[in-house]
Amino acid sequence: MAFRSEGDARAWELERGGDPGAIVPVEVLGELSREWYAGRLDDAWRPYSARARQALLREAGLSGEFWELG
């Protein structure tokens, strides 16, 4: 889900008793998606290894148990 701010996400959580999960700025998601999907339309593209995908998350500053691909 997208929220205008972290405060809005927390308010949603309190109102509904749910857990918004990770709260990530849209700028971080944009940069991650550029890297994650880079080259996908190229004929020579091959899927990233699990290690490479984990590195992309780490480089975007996304670490911790929630972001472990396991």
PDB file of N, CA and C in Angstrom:
ATOM      1  N   MET A   1       0.837  -1.166   0.000  1.00  0.00           N
ATOM      2  CA  MET A   1       0.000   0.000   0.000  1.00  0.00           C
ATOM      3  C   MET A   1       0.885   1.234   0.000  1.00  0.00           C
ATOM      4  N   ALA A   2       0.383   2.290  -0.556  1.00  0.00           N
ATOM      5  CA  ALA A   2       1.115   3.552  -0.586  1.00  0.00           C
ATOM      6  C   ALA A   2       0.424   4.563   0.327  1.00  0.00           C
ATOM      7  N   PHE A   3       1.233   5.258   1.101  1.00  0.00           N
ATOM      8  CA  PHE A   3       0.740   6.292   2.003  1.00  0.00           C
ATOM      9  C   PHE A   3       1.520   7.570   1.740  1.00  0.00           C
ATOM     10  N   ARG A   4       0.944   8.703   2.087  1.00  0.00           N
ATOM     11  CA  ARG A   4       1.623   9.985   1.896  1.00  0.00           C
ATOM     12  C   ARG A   4       2.801  10.155   2.840  1.00  0.00           C
ATOM     13  N   SER A   5       2.749   9.506   3.973  1.00  0.00           N
ATOM     14  CA  SER A   5       3.812   9.672   4.962  1.00  0.00           C
ATOM     15  C   SER A   5       3.850   8.454   5.872  1.00  0.00           C
ATOM     16  N   GLU A   6       4.932   8.359   6.622  1.00  0.00           N
ATOM     17  CA  GLU A   6       5.021   7.282   7.609  1.00  0.00           C
ATOM     18  C   GLU A   6       3.932   7.448   8.658  1.00  0.00           C
ATOM     19  N   GLY A   7       3.628   8.691   8.999  1.00  0.00           N
ATOM     20  CA  GLY A   7       2.561   8.956   9.964  1.00  0.00           C
ATOM     21  C   GLY A   7       1.215   8.427   9.495  1.00  0.00           C
ATOM     22  N   ASP A   8       0.925   8.596   8.195  1.00  0.00           N
ATOM     23  CA  ASP A   8      -0.324   8.067   7.647  1.00  0.00           C
ATOM     24  C   ASP A   8      -0.350   6.542   7.721  1.00  0.00           C
ATOM     25  N   ALA A   9       0.788   5.920   7.466  1.00  0.00           N
ATOM     26  CA  ALA A   9       0.860   4.458   7.541  1.00  0.00           C
ATOM     27  C   ALA A   9       0.618   3.987   8.975  1.00  0.00           C
ATOM     28  N   ARG A  10       1.218   4.692   9.928  1.00  0.00           N
ATOM     29  CA  ARG A  10       1.031   4.319  11.341  1.00  0.00           C
ATOM     30  C   ARG A  10      -0.420   4.536  11.768  1.00  0.00           C
ATOM     31  N   ALA A  11      -1.039   5.614  11.287  1.00  0.00           N
ATOM     32  CA  ALA A  11      -2.446   5.874  11.615  1.00  0.00           C
ATOM     33  C   ALA A  11      -3.329   4.769  11.062  1.00  0.00           C
ATOM     34  N   TRP A  12      -3.051   4.342   9.845  1.00  0.00           N
ATOM     35  CA  TRP A  12      -3.800   3.238   9.234  1.00  0.00           C
ATOM     36  C   TRP A  12      -3.670   1.992  10.093  1.00  0.00           C
ATOM     37  N   GLU A  13      -2.442   1.736  10.545  1.00  0.00           N
ATOM     38  CA  GLU A  13      -2.186   0.570  11.388  1.00  0.00           C
ATOM     39  C   GLU A  13      -3.016   0.642  12.668  1.00  0.00           C
ATOM     40  N   LEU A  14      -3.039   1.791  13.311  1.00  0.00           N
ATOM     41  CA  LEU A  14      -3.790   1.944  14.562  1.00  0.00           C
ATOM     42  C   LEU A  14      -5.291   1.825  14.342  1.00  0.00           C
ATOM     43  N   GLU A  15      -5.799   2.411  13.264  1.00  0.00           N
ATOM     44  CA  GLU A  15      -7.235   2.373  12.984  1.00  0.00           C
ATOM     45  C   GLU A  15      -7.733   0.965  12.692  1.00  0.00           C
ATOM     46  N   ARG A  16      -6.930   0.189  12.013  1.00  0.00           N
ATOM     47  CA  ARG A  16      -7.381  -1.114  11.546  1.00  0.00           C
ATOM     48  C   ARG A  16      -6.800  -2.287  12.321  1.00  0.00           C
ATOM     49  N   GLY A  17      -5.857  -2.002  13.184  1.00  0.00           N
ATOM     50  CA  GLY A  17      -5.250  -3.067  13.953  1.00  0.00           C
ATOM     51  C   GLY A  17      -4.356  -3.962  13.121  1.00  0.00           C
ATOM     52  N   GLY A  18      -4.001  -3.494  11.941  1.00  0.00           N
ATOM     53  CA  GLY A  18      -3.141  -4.276  11.060  1.00  0.00           C
ATOM     54  C   GLY A  18      -1.693  -3.875  11.195  1.00  0.00           C
ATOM     55  N   ASP A  19      -0.872  -4.536  10.456  1.00  0.00           N
ATOM     56  CA  ASP A  19       0.552  -4.245  10.433  1.00  0.00           C
ATOM     57  C   ASP A  19       0.908  -3.799   9.023  1.00  0.00           C
ATOM     58  N   PRO A  20       1.390  -2.555   8.856  1.00  0.00           N
ATOM     59  CA  PRO A  20       1.713  -2.096   7.508  1.00  0.00           C
ATOM     60  C   PRO A  20       2.960  -2.759   6.934  1.00  0.00           C
ATOM     61  N   GLY A  21       3.640  -3.560   7.728  1.00  0.00           N
ATOM     62  CA  GLY A  21       4.875  -4.175   7.239  1.00  0.00           C
ATOM     63  C   GLY A  21       5.980  -3.141   7.207  1.00  0.00           C
ATOM     64  N   ALA A  22       6.852  -3.265   6.237  1.00  0.00           N
ATOM     65  CA  ALA A  22       7.950  -2.314   6.117  1.00  0.00           C
ATOM     66  C   ALA A  22       7.424  -1.005   5.545  1.00  0.00           C
ATOM     67  N   ILE A  23       7.918   0.088   6.069  1.00  0.00           N
ATOM     68  CA  ILE A  23       7.569   1.405   5.551  1.00  0.00           C
ATOM     69  C   ILE A  23       8.809   1.937   4.851  1.00  0.00           C
ATOM     70  N   VAL A  24       8.695   2.105   3.540  1.00  0.00           N
ATOM     71  CA  VAL A  24       9.836   2.467   2.707  1.00  0.00           C
ATOM     72  C   VAL A  24       9.487   3.698   1.883  1.00  0.00           C
ATOM     73  N   PRO A  25      10.361   4.703   1.871  1.00  0.00           N
ATOM     74  CA  PRO A  25      10.104   5.878   1.041  1.00  0.00           C
ATOM     75  C   PRO A  25      10.008   5.502  -0.441  1.00  0.00           C
ATOM     76  N   VAL A  26       9.127   6.179  -1.154  1.00  0.00           N
ATOM     77  CA  VAL A  26       8.910   5.868  -2.568  1.00  0.00           C
ATOM     78  C   VAL A  26      10.192   6.050  -3.379  1.00  0.00           C
ATOM     79  N   GLU A  27      11.062   6.961  -2.964  1.00  0.00           N
ATOM     80  CA  GLU A  27      12.331   7.157  -3.679  1.00  0.00           C
ATOM     81  C   GLU A  27      13.195   5.905  -3.612  1.00  0.00           C
ATOM     82  N   VAL A  28      13.195   5.251  -2.464  1.00  0.00           N
ATOM     83  CA  VAL A  28      13.964   4.009  -2.302  1.00  0.00           C
ATOM     84  C   VAL A  28      13.361   2.909  -3.171  1.00  0.00           C
ATOM     85  N   LEU A  29      12.043   2.812  -3.178  1.00  0.00           N
ATOM     86  CA  LEU A  29      11.388   1.801  -4.019  1.00  0.00           C
ATOM     87  C   LEU A  29      11.658   2.050  -5.498  1.00  0.00           C
ATOM     88  N   GLY A  30      11.672   3.320  -5.894  1.00  0.00           N
ATOM     89  CA  GLY A  30      11.959   3.654  -7.285  1.00  0.00           C
ATOM     90  C   GLY A  30      13.353   3.224  -7.691  1.00  0.00           C
ATOM     91  N   GLU A  31      14.337   3.529  -6.865  1.00  0.00           N
ATOM     92  CA  GLU A  31      15.716   3.144  -7.169  1.00  0.00           C
ATOM     93  C   GLU A  31      15.860   1.622  -7.180  1.00  0.00           C
ATOM     94  N   LEU A  32      15.269   0.957  -6.204  1.00  0.00           N
ATOM     95  CA  LEU A  32      15.332  -0.505  -6.162  1.00  0.00           C
ATOM     96  C   LEU A  32      14.707  -1.103  -7.412  1.00  0.00           C
ATOM     97  N   SER A  33      13.559  -0.606  -7.814  1.00  0.00           N
ATOM     98  CA  SER A  33      12.887  -1.179  -8.985  1.00  0.00           C
ATOM     99  C   SER A  33      13.690  -0.959 -10.258  1.00  0.00           C
ATOM    100  N   ARG A  34      14.366   0.196 -10.371  1.00  0.00           N
ATOM    101  CA  ARG A  34      15.220   0.424 -11.552  1.00  0.00           C
ATOM    102  C   ARG A  34      16.304  -0.639 -11.634  1.00  0.00           C
ATOM    103  N   GLU A  35      16.919  -0.937 -10.502  1.00  0.00           N
ATOM    104  CA  GLU A  35      17.982  -1.954 -10.481  1.00  0.00           C
ATOM    105  C   GLU A  35      17.407  -3.360 -10.646  1.00  0.00           C
ATOM    106  N   TRP A  36      16.319  -3.647  -9.935  1.00  0.00           N
ATOM    107  CA  TRP A  36      15.718  -4.983  -9.918  1.00  0.00           C
ATOM    108  C   TRP A  36      15.273  -5.409 -11.313  1.00  0.00           C
ATOM    109  N   TYR A  37      14.695  -4.467 -12.063  1.00  0.00           N
ATOM    110  CA  TYR A  37      14.141  -4.797 -13.379  1.00  0.00           C
ATOM    111  C   TYR A  37      15.039  -4.384 -14.538  1.00  0.00           C
ATOM    112  N   ALA A  38      16.219  -3.894 -14.268  1.00  0.00           N
ATOM    113  CA  ALA A  38      17.132  -3.462 -15.327  1.00  0.00           C
ATOM    114  C   ALA A  38      17.417  -4.612 -16.288  1.00  0.00           C
ATOM    115  N   GLY A  39      17.266  -4.345 -17.568  1.00  0.00           N
ATOM    116  CA  GLY A  39      17.600  -5.333 -18.585  1.00  0.00           C
ATOM    117  C   GLY A  39      16.570  -6.413 -18.811  1.00  0.00           C
ATOM    118  N   ARG A  40      15.458  -6.393 -18.119  1.00  0.00           N
ATOM    119  CA  ARG A  40      14.469  -7.473 -18.234  1.00  0.00           C
ATOM    120  C   ARG A  40      13.933  -7.652 -19.650  1.00  0.00           C
ATOM    121  N   LEU A  41      13.947  -6.608 -20.456  1.00  0.00           N
ATOM    122  CA  LEU A  41      13.417  -6.720 -21.816  1.00  0.00           C
ATOM    123  C   LEU A  41      14.471  -7.167 -22.824  1.00  0.00           C
ATOM    124  N   ASP A  42      15.706  -7.299 -22.382  1.00  0.00           N
ATOM    125  CA  ASP A  42      16.782  -7.758 -23.263  1.00  0.00           C
ATOM    126  C   ASP A  42      16.690  -9.265 -23.459  1.00  0.00           C
ATOM    127  N   ASP A  43      16.921  -9.712 -24.677  1.00  0.00           N
ATOM    128  CA  ASP A  43      16.882 -11.151 -24.965  1.00  0.00           C
ATOM    129  C   ASP A  43      17.896 -11.937 -24.142  1.00  0.00           C
ATOM    130  N   ALA A  44      19.015 -11.320 -23.832  1.00  0.00           N
ATOM    131  CA  ALA A  44      20.083 -12.016 -23.112  1.00  0.00           C
ATOM    132  C   ALA A  44      19.890 -11.987 -21.590  1.00  0.00           C
ATOM    133  N   TRP A  45      18.829 -11.348 -21.110  1.00  0.00           N
ATOM    134  CA  TRP A  45      18.638 -11.232 -19.666  1.00  0.00           C
ATOM    135  C   TRP A  45      18.450 -12.603 -19.028  1.00  0.00           C
ATOM    136  N   ARG A  46      19.058 -12.772 -17.883  1.00  0.00           N
ATOM    137  CA  ARG A  46      18.898 -13.984 -17.077  1.00  0.00           C
ATOM    138  C   ARG A  46      18.551 -13.561 -15.650  1.00  0.00           C
ATOM    139  N   PRO A  47      17.755 -14.351 -14.957  1.00  0.00           N
ATOM    140  CA  PRO A  47      17.380 -13.987 -13.578  1.00  0.00           C
ATOM    141  C   PRO A  47      18.605 -13.818 -12.684  1.00  0.00           C
ATOM    142  N   TYR A  48      18.481 -12.891 -11.742  1.00  0.00           N
ATOM    143  CA  TYR A  48      19.541 -12.699 -10.764  1.00  0.00           C
ATOM    144  C   TYR A  48      19.585 -13.900  -9.828  1.00  0.00           C
ATOM    145  N   SER A  49      20.757 -14.178  -9.320  1.00  0.00           N
ATOM    146  CA  SER A  49      20.888 -15.215  -8.297  1.00  0.00           C
ATOM    147  C   SER A  49      20.289 -14.686  -6.994  1.00  0.00           C
ATOM    148  N   ALA A  50      20.030 -15.588  -6.075  1.00  0.00           N
ATOM    149  CA  ALA A  50      19.504 -15.184  -4.768  1.00  0.00           C
ATOM    150  C   ALA A  50      20.474 -14.227  -4.084  1.00  0.00           C
ATOM    151  N   ARG A  51      21.749 -14.484  -4.217  1.00  0.00           N
ATOM    152  CA  ARG A  51      22.768 -13.620  -3.608  1.00  0.00           C
ATOM    153  C   ARG A  51      22.723 -12.213  -4.217  1.00  0.00           C
ATOM    154  N   ALA A  52      22.569 -12.140  -5.540  1.00  0.00           N
ATOM    155  CA  ALA A  52      22.513 -10.841  -6.215  1.00  0.00           C
ATOM    156  C   ALA A  52      21.244 -10.079  -5.830  1.00  0.00           C
ATOM    157  N   ARG A  53      20.125 -10.784  -5.717  1.00  0.00           N
ATOM    158  CA  ARG A  53      18.877 -10.123  -5.307  1.00  0.00           C
ATOM    159  C   ARG A  53      18.994  -9.590  -3.884  1.00  0.00           C
ATOM    160  N   GLN A  54      19.609 -10.367  -3.004  1.00  0.00           N
ATOM    161  CA  GLN A  54      19.796  -9.916  -1.626  1.00  0.00           C
ATOM    162  C   GLN A  54      20.714  -8.700  -1.595  1.00  0.00           C
ATOM    163  N   ALA A  55      21.741  -8.692  -2.434  1.00  0.00           N
ATOM    164  CA  ALA A  55      22.654  -7.552  -2.502  1.00  0.00           C
ATOM    165  C   ALA A  55      21.927  -6.297  -2.967  1.00  0.00           C
ATOM    166  N   LEU A  56      21.010  -6.421  -3.925  1.00  0.00           N
ATOM    167  CA  LEU A  56      20.236  -5.264  -4.378  1.00  0.00           C
ATOM    168  C   LEU A  56      19.428  -4.668  -3.225  1.00  0.00           C
ATOM    169  N   LEU A  57      18.822  -5.518  -2.430  1.00  0.00           N
ATOM    170  CA  LEU A  57      18.063  -5.032  -1.275  1.00  0.00           C
ATOM    171  C   LEU A  57      18.978  -4.325  -0.280  1.00  0.00           C
ATOM    172  N   ARG A  58      20.105  -4.937   0.000  1.00  0.00           N
ATOM    173  CA  ARG A  58      21.058  -4.369   0.955  1.00  0.00           C
ATOM    174  C   ARG A  58      21.572  -3.013   0.460  1.00  0.00           C
ATOM    175  N   GLU A  59      21.899  -2.933  -0.844  1.00  0.00           N
ATOM    176  CA  GLU A  59      22.397  -1.679  -1.417  1.00  0.00           C
ATOM    177  C   GLU A  59      21.343  -0.576  -1.364  1.00  0.00           C
ATOM    178  N   ALA A  60      20.078  -0.953  -1.372  1.00  0.00           N
ATOM    179  CA  ALA A  60      18.993   0.027  -1.269  1.00  0.00           C
ATOM    180  C   ALA A  60      18.741   0.427   0.185  1.00  0.00           C
ATOM    181  N   GLY A  61      19.504  -0.168   1.113  1.00  0.00           N
ATOM    182  CA  GLY A  61      19.337   0.146   2.526  1.00  0.00           C
ATOM    183  C   GLY A  61      18.235  -0.652   3.195  1.00  0.00           C
ATOM    184  N   LEU A  62      17.803  -1.727   2.544  1.00  0.00           N
ATOM    185  CA  LEU A  62      16.720  -2.556   3.072  1.00  0.00           C
ATOM    186  C   LEU A  62      17.328  -3.807   3.695  1.00  0.00           C
ATOM    187  N   SER A  63      17.403  -3.805   5.005  1.00  0.00           N
ATOM    188  CA  SER A  63      18.015  -4.931   5.703  1.00  0.00           C
ATOM    189  C   SER A  63      17.142  -5.313   6.892  1.00  0.00           C
ATOM    190  N   GLY A  64      17.469  -6.402   7.497  1.00  0.00           N
ATOM    191  CA  GLY A  64      16.693  -6.902   8.620  1.00  0.00           C
ATOM    192  C   GLY A  64      15.881  -8.115   8.208  1.00  0.00           C
ATOM    193  N   GLU A  65      15.256  -8.718   9.184  1.00  0.00           N
ATOM    194  CA  GLU A  65      14.531  -9.975   8.973  1.00  0.00           C
ATOM    195  C   GLU A  65      13.469  -9.866   7.876  1.00  0.00           C
ATOM    196  N   PHE A  66      12.748  -8.750   7.822  1.00  0.00           N
ATOM    197  CA  PHE A  66      11.691  -8.576   6.827  1.00  0.00           C
ATOM    198  C   PHE A  66      12.230  -8.708   5.407  1.00  0.00           C
ATOM    199  N   TRP A  67      13.474  -8.267   5.196  1.00  0.00           N
ATOM    200  CA  TRP A  67      14.047  -8.211   3.849  1.00  0.00           C
ATOM    201  C   TRP A  67      14.911  -9.418   3.505  1.00  0.00           C
ATOM    202  N   GLU A  68      14.992 -10.397   4.378  1.00  0.00           N
ATOM    203  CA  GLU A  68      15.775 -11.598   4.087  1.00  0.00           C
ATOM    204  C   GLU A  68      15.003 -12.487   3.123  1.00  0.00           C
ATOM    205  N   LEU A  69      15.598 -12.786   1.983  1.00  0.00           N
ATOM    206  CA  LEU A  69      14.924 -13.596   0.973  1.00  0.00           C
ATOM    207  C   LEU A  69      14.978 -15.080   1.293  1.00  0.00           C
ATOM    208  N   GLY A  70      15.885 -15.448   2.180  1.00  0.00           N
ATOM    209  CA  GLY A  70      15.973 -16.802   2.681  1.00  0.00           C
ATOM    210  C   GLY A  70      16.146 -17.834   1.669  1.00  0.00           C
TER     211      GLY A  70
END
